[in-house]
N, C-alpha and C. Protein backbone atom coordinates (compact mmCIF):
# COMPACT_ATOMS: atom_id res chain seq x y z
N MET A 1 2.87 9.12 31.47
CA MET A 1 1.69 9.02 30.65
C MET A 1 0.81 7.90 31.21
N SER A 2 -0.26 8.23 31.90
CA SER A 2 -1.08 7.19 32.52
C SER A 2 -2.22 6.74 31.63
N LEU A 3 -2.82 7.64 30.92
CA LEU A 3 -3.91 7.27 30.03
C LEU A 3 -3.36 7.01 28.63
N PRO A 4 -3.94 6.04 27.93
CA PRO A 4 -3.44 5.81 26.57
C PRO A 4 -3.79 6.97 25.64
N ILE A 5 -2.90 7.21 24.73
CA ILE A 5 -3.14 8.17 23.66
C ILE A 5 -4.03 7.49 22.63
N THR A 6 -5.04 8.19 22.16
CA THR A 6 -5.94 7.65 21.15
C THR A 6 -5.75 8.40 19.85
N CYS A 7 -5.52 7.65 18.79
CA CYS A 7 -5.37 8.21 17.45
C CYS A 7 -6.54 7.75 16.59
N LEU A 8 -7.01 8.63 15.75
CA LEU A 8 -7.96 8.26 14.71
C LEU A 8 -7.24 8.45 13.38
N VAL A 9 -7.16 7.38 12.60
CA VAL A 9 -6.53 7.43 11.29
C VAL A 9 -7.63 7.29 10.25
N ILE A 10 -7.72 8.29 9.37
CA ILE A 10 -8.73 8.30 8.31
C ILE A 10 -7.99 8.06 7.00
N ASP A 11 -8.11 6.84 6.48
CA ASP A 11 -7.35 6.46 5.30
C ASP A 11 -8.06 5.28 4.64
N ASP A 12 -8.27 5.36 3.34
CA ASP A 12 -8.97 4.31 2.63
C ASP A 12 -8.09 3.12 2.25
N ASP A 13 -6.79 3.22 2.45
CA ASP A 13 -5.86 2.17 2.06
C ASP A 13 -5.53 1.29 3.26
N GLU A 14 -5.96 0.02 3.22
CA GLU A 14 -5.74 -0.89 4.35
C GLU A 14 -4.26 -1.13 4.61
N ASP A 15 -3.44 -1.16 3.55
CA ASP A 15 -1.99 -1.34 3.73
C ASP A 15 -1.40 -0.16 4.50
N ASP A 16 -1.85 1.04 4.19
CA ASP A 16 -1.37 2.22 4.91
C ASP A 16 -1.85 2.21 6.37
N GLN A 17 -3.05 1.71 6.61
CA GLN A 17 -3.54 1.58 7.97
C GLN A 17 -2.66 0.62 8.77
N GLU A 18 -2.33 -0.53 8.17
CA GLU A 18 -1.50 -1.52 8.84
C GLU A 18 -0.09 -0.97 9.10
N PHE A 19 0.45 -0.25 8.13
CA PHE A 19 1.77 0.37 8.25
C PHE A 19 1.78 1.34 9.44
N PHE A 20 0.74 2.15 9.55
CA PHE A 20 0.62 3.11 10.65
C PHE A 20 0.57 2.38 11.99
N LEU A 21 -0.21 1.31 12.05
CA LEU A 21 -0.34 0.53 13.27
C LEU A 21 1.00 -0.10 13.66
N LEU A 22 1.75 -0.59 12.71
CA LEU A 22 3.08 -1.15 12.99
C LEU A 22 3.99 -0.09 13.61
N ALA A 23 3.94 1.12 13.08
CA ALA A 23 4.76 2.21 13.62
C ALA A 23 4.36 2.53 15.06
N LEU A 24 3.06 2.57 15.33
CA LEU A 24 2.60 2.84 16.69
C LEU A 24 3.06 1.77 17.66
N ARG A 25 2.98 0.51 17.23
CA ARG A 25 3.38 -0.59 18.12
C ARG A 25 4.85 -0.53 18.48
N LYS A 26 5.67 0.02 17.63
CA LYS A 26 7.10 0.13 17.91
C LYS A 26 7.40 1.20 18.96
N MET A 27 6.44 2.04 19.26
CA MET A 27 6.67 3.15 20.18
C MET A 27 6.68 2.72 21.64
N ARG A 28 6.12 1.59 21.97
CA ARG A 28 6.12 1.07 23.34
C ARG A 28 5.49 2.04 24.34
N SER A 29 4.48 2.72 23.91
CA SER A 29 3.73 3.64 24.77
C SER A 29 2.28 3.19 24.79
N PRO A 30 1.54 3.60 25.80
CA PRO A 30 0.12 3.23 25.83
C PRO A 30 -0.67 4.00 24.75
N LEU A 31 -0.86 3.35 23.62
CA LEU A 31 -1.53 3.97 22.48
C LEU A 31 -2.66 3.08 21.99
N THR A 32 -3.74 3.71 21.59
CA THR A 32 -4.81 3.00 20.92
C THR A 32 -5.06 3.69 19.59
N CYS A 33 -5.54 2.94 18.65
CA CYS A 33 -5.76 3.51 17.32
C CYS A 33 -7.07 2.99 16.77
N GLN A 34 -7.86 3.90 16.25
CA GLN A 34 -9.08 3.54 15.54
C GLN A 34 -8.95 4.03 14.11
N PHE A 35 -9.64 3.34 13.22
CA PHE A 35 -9.55 3.66 11.80
C PHE A 35 -10.92 3.97 11.23
N ALA A 36 -10.92 4.87 10.26
CA ALA A 36 -12.09 5.13 9.42
C ALA A 36 -11.60 5.01 7.99
N ASN A 37 -12.39 4.35 7.16
CA ASN A 37 -11.98 4.08 5.78
C ASN A 37 -12.21 5.23 4.82
N ASP A 38 -12.94 6.24 5.28
CA ASP A 38 -13.15 7.42 4.44
C ASP A 38 -13.63 8.57 5.32
N GLY A 39 -13.69 9.74 4.72
CA GLY A 39 -14.08 10.93 5.47
C GLY A 39 -15.48 10.87 6.03
N GLN A 40 -16.40 10.34 5.26
CA GLN A 40 -17.79 10.27 5.71
C GLN A 40 -17.92 9.37 6.94
N GLU A 41 -17.26 8.22 6.90
CA GLU A 41 -17.29 7.30 8.05
C GLU A 41 -16.70 7.97 9.29
N ALA A 42 -15.61 8.68 9.11
CA ALA A 42 -14.97 9.38 10.23
C ALA A 42 -15.89 10.45 10.82
N LEU A 43 -16.49 11.24 9.96
CA LEU A 43 -17.37 12.31 10.44
C LEU A 43 -18.59 11.76 11.17
N GLU A 44 -19.14 10.67 10.66
CA GLU A 44 -20.28 10.05 11.36
C GLU A 44 -19.88 9.62 12.75
N LYS A 45 -18.72 8.99 12.87
CA LYS A 45 -18.23 8.53 14.17
C LYS A 45 -17.98 9.72 15.10
N LEU A 46 -17.32 10.74 14.60
CA LEU A 46 -16.97 11.88 15.43
C LEU A 46 -18.18 12.71 15.85
N LYS A 47 -19.17 12.79 15.00
CA LYS A 47 -20.36 13.58 15.33
C LYS A 47 -21.34 12.82 16.21
N LYS A 48 -21.50 11.50 15.97
CA LYS A 48 -22.46 10.71 16.73
C LYS A 48 -22.01 10.45 18.15
N ASP A 49 -20.73 10.18 18.32
CA ASP A 49 -20.20 9.81 19.62
C ASP A 49 -19.39 10.97 20.19
N THR A 50 -20.06 11.86 20.92
CA THR A 50 -19.36 13.02 21.46
C THR A 50 -18.38 12.64 22.57
N ASN A 51 -18.49 11.40 23.09
CA ASN A 51 -17.52 10.92 24.07
C ASN A 51 -16.22 10.47 23.40
N PHE A 52 -16.27 10.22 22.10
CA PHE A 52 -15.07 9.83 21.38
C PHE A 52 -14.35 11.10 20.96
N SER A 53 -13.25 11.35 21.63
CA SER A 53 -12.46 12.53 21.34
C SER A 53 -11.00 12.10 21.26
N PRO A 54 -10.55 11.72 20.06
CA PRO A 54 -9.17 11.25 19.95
C PRO A 54 -8.17 12.36 20.29
N ASN A 55 -7.02 11.95 20.75
CA ASN A 55 -5.96 12.92 21.05
C ASN A 55 -5.36 13.48 19.78
N TYR A 56 -5.33 12.65 18.72
CA TYR A 56 -4.74 13.03 17.44
C TYR A 56 -5.56 12.44 16.31
N ILE A 57 -5.68 13.21 15.23
CA ILE A 57 -6.34 12.72 14.02
C ILE A 57 -5.33 12.79 12.88
N PHE A 58 -5.21 11.67 12.17
CA PHE A 58 -4.34 11.58 10.99
C PHE A 58 -5.24 11.38 9.79
N LEU A 59 -5.08 12.22 8.78
CA LEU A 59 -6.03 12.29 7.68
C LEU A 59 -5.34 12.23 6.33
N ASP A 60 -5.73 11.22 5.54
CA ASP A 60 -5.22 11.10 4.18
C ASP A 60 -5.92 12.13 3.30
N LEU A 61 -5.24 12.60 2.27
CA LEU A 61 -5.84 13.58 1.36
C LEU A 61 -6.67 12.94 0.27
N ASN A 62 -6.15 11.89 -0.34
CA ASN A 62 -6.76 11.31 -1.53
C ASN A 62 -7.60 10.08 -1.17
N MET A 63 -8.90 10.33 -1.02
CA MET A 63 -9.83 9.25 -0.70
C MET A 63 -11.05 9.39 -1.61
N PRO A 64 -11.71 8.28 -1.86
CA PRO A 64 -12.92 8.36 -2.69
C PRO A 64 -14.05 9.07 -1.95
N GLY A 65 -14.93 9.66 -2.70
CA GLY A 65 -16.06 10.37 -2.09
C GLY A 65 -15.64 11.72 -1.58
N MET A 66 -15.42 11.81 -0.31
CA MET A 66 -15.02 13.07 0.33
C MET A 66 -13.49 13.13 0.40
N SER A 67 -12.93 14.19 -0.10
CA SER A 67 -11.46 14.34 -0.06
C SER A 67 -11.01 14.66 1.37
N GLY A 68 -9.73 14.49 1.61
CA GLY A 68 -9.18 14.84 2.91
C GLY A 68 -9.36 16.31 3.25
N LYS A 69 -9.26 17.16 2.23
CA LYS A 69 -9.44 18.60 2.46
C LYS A 69 -10.87 18.91 2.88
N GLN A 70 -11.84 18.25 2.24
CA GLN A 70 -13.24 18.45 2.63
C GLN A 70 -13.48 17.93 4.05
N CYS A 71 -12.90 16.77 4.34
CA CYS A 71 -13.05 16.18 5.67
C CYS A 71 -12.43 17.08 6.73
N LEU A 72 -11.26 17.61 6.46
CA LEU A 72 -10.59 18.52 7.39
C LEU A 72 -11.47 19.73 7.70
N THR A 73 -12.06 20.29 6.68
CA THR A 73 -12.94 21.45 6.86
C THR A 73 -14.09 21.10 7.80
N GLU A 74 -14.67 19.91 7.63
CA GLU A 74 -15.79 19.48 8.47
C GLU A 74 -15.34 19.16 9.90
N ILE A 75 -14.19 18.53 10.04
CA ILE A 75 -13.67 18.22 11.39
C ILE A 75 -13.49 19.50 12.18
N LYS A 76 -13.00 20.54 11.55
CA LYS A 76 -12.75 21.80 12.23
C LYS A 76 -14.03 22.49 12.71
N LYS A 77 -15.18 22.04 12.22
CA LYS A 77 -16.47 22.58 12.65
C LYS A 77 -17.03 21.87 13.88
N ILE A 78 -16.45 20.75 14.28
CA ILE A 78 -16.97 19.95 15.40
C ILE A 78 -16.43 20.52 16.71
N ALA A 79 -17.33 21.00 17.53
CA ALA A 79 -16.96 21.74 18.74
C ALA A 79 -16.03 20.97 19.66
N HIS A 80 -16.32 19.71 19.95
CA HIS A 80 -15.50 18.98 20.92
C HIS A 80 -14.12 18.58 20.36
N LEU A 81 -13.84 18.93 19.12
CA LEU A 81 -12.53 18.63 18.52
C LEU A 81 -11.71 19.89 18.23
N GLN A 82 -12.16 21.02 18.75
CA GLN A 82 -11.50 22.29 18.43
C GLN A 82 -10.02 22.31 18.79
N HIS A 83 -9.62 21.55 19.81
CA HIS A 83 -8.22 21.57 20.24
C HIS A 83 -7.49 20.27 19.89
N THR A 84 -8.11 19.44 19.09
CA THR A 84 -7.48 18.18 18.68
C THR A 84 -6.60 18.42 17.47
N PRO A 85 -5.31 18.10 17.57
CA PRO A 85 -4.44 18.28 16.41
C PRO A 85 -4.84 17.35 15.26
N VAL A 86 -4.86 17.91 14.07
CA VAL A 86 -5.16 17.14 12.87
C VAL A 86 -3.92 17.20 11.99
N PHE A 87 -3.41 16.03 11.66
CA PHE A 87 -2.22 15.91 10.83
C PHE A 87 -2.59 15.30 9.50
N ILE A 88 -2.20 15.93 8.43
CA ILE A 88 -2.38 15.33 7.11
C ILE A 88 -1.31 14.26 6.97
N TYR A 89 -1.74 13.09 6.51
CA TYR A 89 -0.87 11.93 6.36
C TYR A 89 -1.09 11.41 4.95
N SER A 90 -0.24 11.82 4.03
CA SER A 90 -0.51 11.63 2.61
C SER A 90 0.74 11.25 1.83
N THR A 91 0.53 10.66 0.67
CA THR A 91 1.66 10.39 -0.24
C THR A 91 2.10 11.67 -0.93
N SER A 92 1.27 12.68 -0.92
CA SER A 92 1.59 13.95 -1.56
C SER A 92 2.70 14.68 -0.81
N SER A 93 3.51 15.37 -1.57
CA SER A 93 4.47 16.29 -0.96
C SER A 93 4.40 17.64 -1.69
N ASP A 94 3.29 17.84 -2.38
CA ASP A 94 3.07 19.05 -3.17
C ASP A 94 2.93 20.26 -2.25
N SER A 95 3.71 21.28 -2.51
CA SER A 95 3.70 22.48 -1.66
C SER A 95 2.32 23.14 -1.63
N ARG A 96 1.55 23.01 -2.71
CA ARG A 96 0.20 23.60 -2.73
C ARG A 96 -0.71 22.85 -1.76
N ASP A 97 -0.59 21.52 -1.70
CA ASP A 97 -1.39 20.74 -0.74
C ASP A 97 -1.01 21.12 0.69
N ILE A 98 0.28 21.26 0.93
CA ILE A 98 0.75 21.62 2.27
C ILE A 98 0.20 22.99 2.67
N ALA A 99 0.32 23.96 1.78
CA ALA A 99 -0.15 25.32 2.08
C ALA A 99 -1.67 25.35 2.28
N GLU A 100 -2.40 24.67 1.41
CA GLU A 100 -3.86 24.70 1.52
C GLU A 100 -4.36 24.01 2.78
N THR A 101 -3.77 22.86 3.12
CA THR A 101 -4.24 22.17 4.32
C THR A 101 -3.87 22.94 5.59
N ARG A 102 -2.76 23.63 5.58
CA ARG A 102 -2.42 24.50 6.72
C ARG A 102 -3.46 25.61 6.85
N ARG A 103 -3.82 26.19 5.71
CA ARG A 103 -4.83 27.26 5.71
C ARG A 103 -6.17 26.74 6.23
N LEU A 104 -6.47 25.48 5.94
CA LEU A 104 -7.73 24.88 6.38
C LEU A 104 -7.69 24.43 7.85
N GLY A 105 -6.51 24.49 8.47
CA GLY A 105 -6.42 24.19 9.89
C GLY A 105 -5.60 22.97 10.28
N ALA A 106 -4.94 22.31 9.32
CA ALA A 106 -4.09 21.17 9.67
C ALA A 106 -2.90 21.66 10.49
N ASP A 107 -2.54 20.87 11.49
CA ASP A 107 -1.42 21.25 12.35
C ASP A 107 -0.08 20.89 11.73
N GLU A 108 -0.01 19.77 11.05
CA GLU A 108 1.23 19.32 10.40
C GLU A 108 0.87 18.55 9.14
N PHE A 109 1.85 18.39 8.29
CA PHE A 109 1.70 17.64 7.04
C PHE A 109 2.80 16.59 7.00
N ILE A 110 2.43 15.32 7.01
CA ILE A 110 3.39 14.23 6.98
C ILE A 110 3.27 13.53 5.63
N THR A 111 4.36 13.49 4.90
CA THR A 111 4.39 12.70 3.68
C THR A 111 4.69 11.27 4.11
N LYS A 112 3.85 10.33 3.68
CA LYS A 112 3.98 8.94 4.12
C LYS A 112 5.37 8.40 3.78
N PRO A 113 6.10 7.97 4.81
CA PRO A 113 7.42 7.41 4.56
C PRO A 113 7.31 5.96 4.07
N THR A 114 8.40 5.43 3.57
CA THR A 114 8.41 4.06 3.05
C THR A 114 8.95 3.07 4.07
N GLN A 115 9.45 3.56 5.21
CA GLN A 115 9.99 2.69 6.25
C GLN A 115 9.27 2.93 7.57
N VAL A 116 8.92 1.86 8.24
CA VAL A 116 8.20 1.95 9.51
C VAL A 116 8.98 2.75 10.54
N ASN A 117 10.30 2.55 10.61
CA ASN A 117 11.11 3.28 11.60
C ASN A 117 11.04 4.79 11.39
N LEU A 118 10.98 5.22 10.14
CA LEU A 118 10.87 6.66 9.87
C LEU A 118 9.54 7.20 10.38
N LEU A 119 8.47 6.45 10.16
CA LEU A 119 7.16 6.91 10.66
C LEU A 119 7.14 6.90 12.17
N THR A 120 7.72 5.88 12.78
CA THR A 120 7.78 5.82 14.25
C THR A 120 8.49 7.06 14.80
N ASP A 121 9.61 7.42 14.18
CA ASP A 121 10.34 8.62 14.62
C ASP A 121 9.50 9.88 14.45
N GLN A 122 8.81 10.00 13.31
CA GLN A 122 7.96 11.18 13.07
C GLN A 122 6.84 11.26 14.10
N LEU A 123 6.21 10.13 14.37
CA LEU A 123 5.11 10.11 15.34
C LEU A 123 5.60 10.46 16.74
N SER A 124 6.76 9.93 17.12
CA SER A 124 7.32 10.24 18.44
C SER A 124 7.52 11.74 18.60
N LYS A 125 8.06 12.37 17.58
CA LYS A 125 8.29 13.82 17.63
C LYS A 125 6.97 14.59 17.72
N LEU A 126 5.97 14.15 16.94
CA LEU A 126 4.67 14.82 16.98
C LEU A 126 4.04 14.72 18.36
N PHE A 127 4.08 13.51 18.94
CA PHE A 127 3.45 13.30 20.24
C PHE A 127 4.16 14.11 21.33
N MET A 128 5.44 14.36 21.17
CA MET A 128 6.17 15.17 22.16
C MET A 128 5.85 16.66 21.97
N THR A 129 5.54 17.06 20.74
CA THR A 129 5.30 18.47 20.41
C THR A 129 3.86 18.88 20.69
N TYR A 130 2.91 18.01 20.40
CA TYR A 130 1.49 18.38 20.52
C TYR A 130 0.83 17.70 21.69
């Protein structure tokens, strides 16, 4: 892996952002991570900067303003992101949320774990698969 992997995490909770970053740092791989605090901020960044094309997008469902489902729908409309995997990263484990986000184009659904090592393991598997 010569180029760093770039992740965009869209999550309004700063603690969850820090938790995600801790998990990435444990991976010992060339990774960079950018954050957006809500769906609108993420969409503005993704639409304005066509050179910014993250390798992976992690999207929380429950955010103020624009929901994760609405944001996912809009991300899927952006041409330069058509092949970018989008993973739902949420506290929800509701089967209806999982089914609906899959229907909307999410590649995977990750229920936020409570331990950094668990998230690190999940991320490692995702990066090897996608």
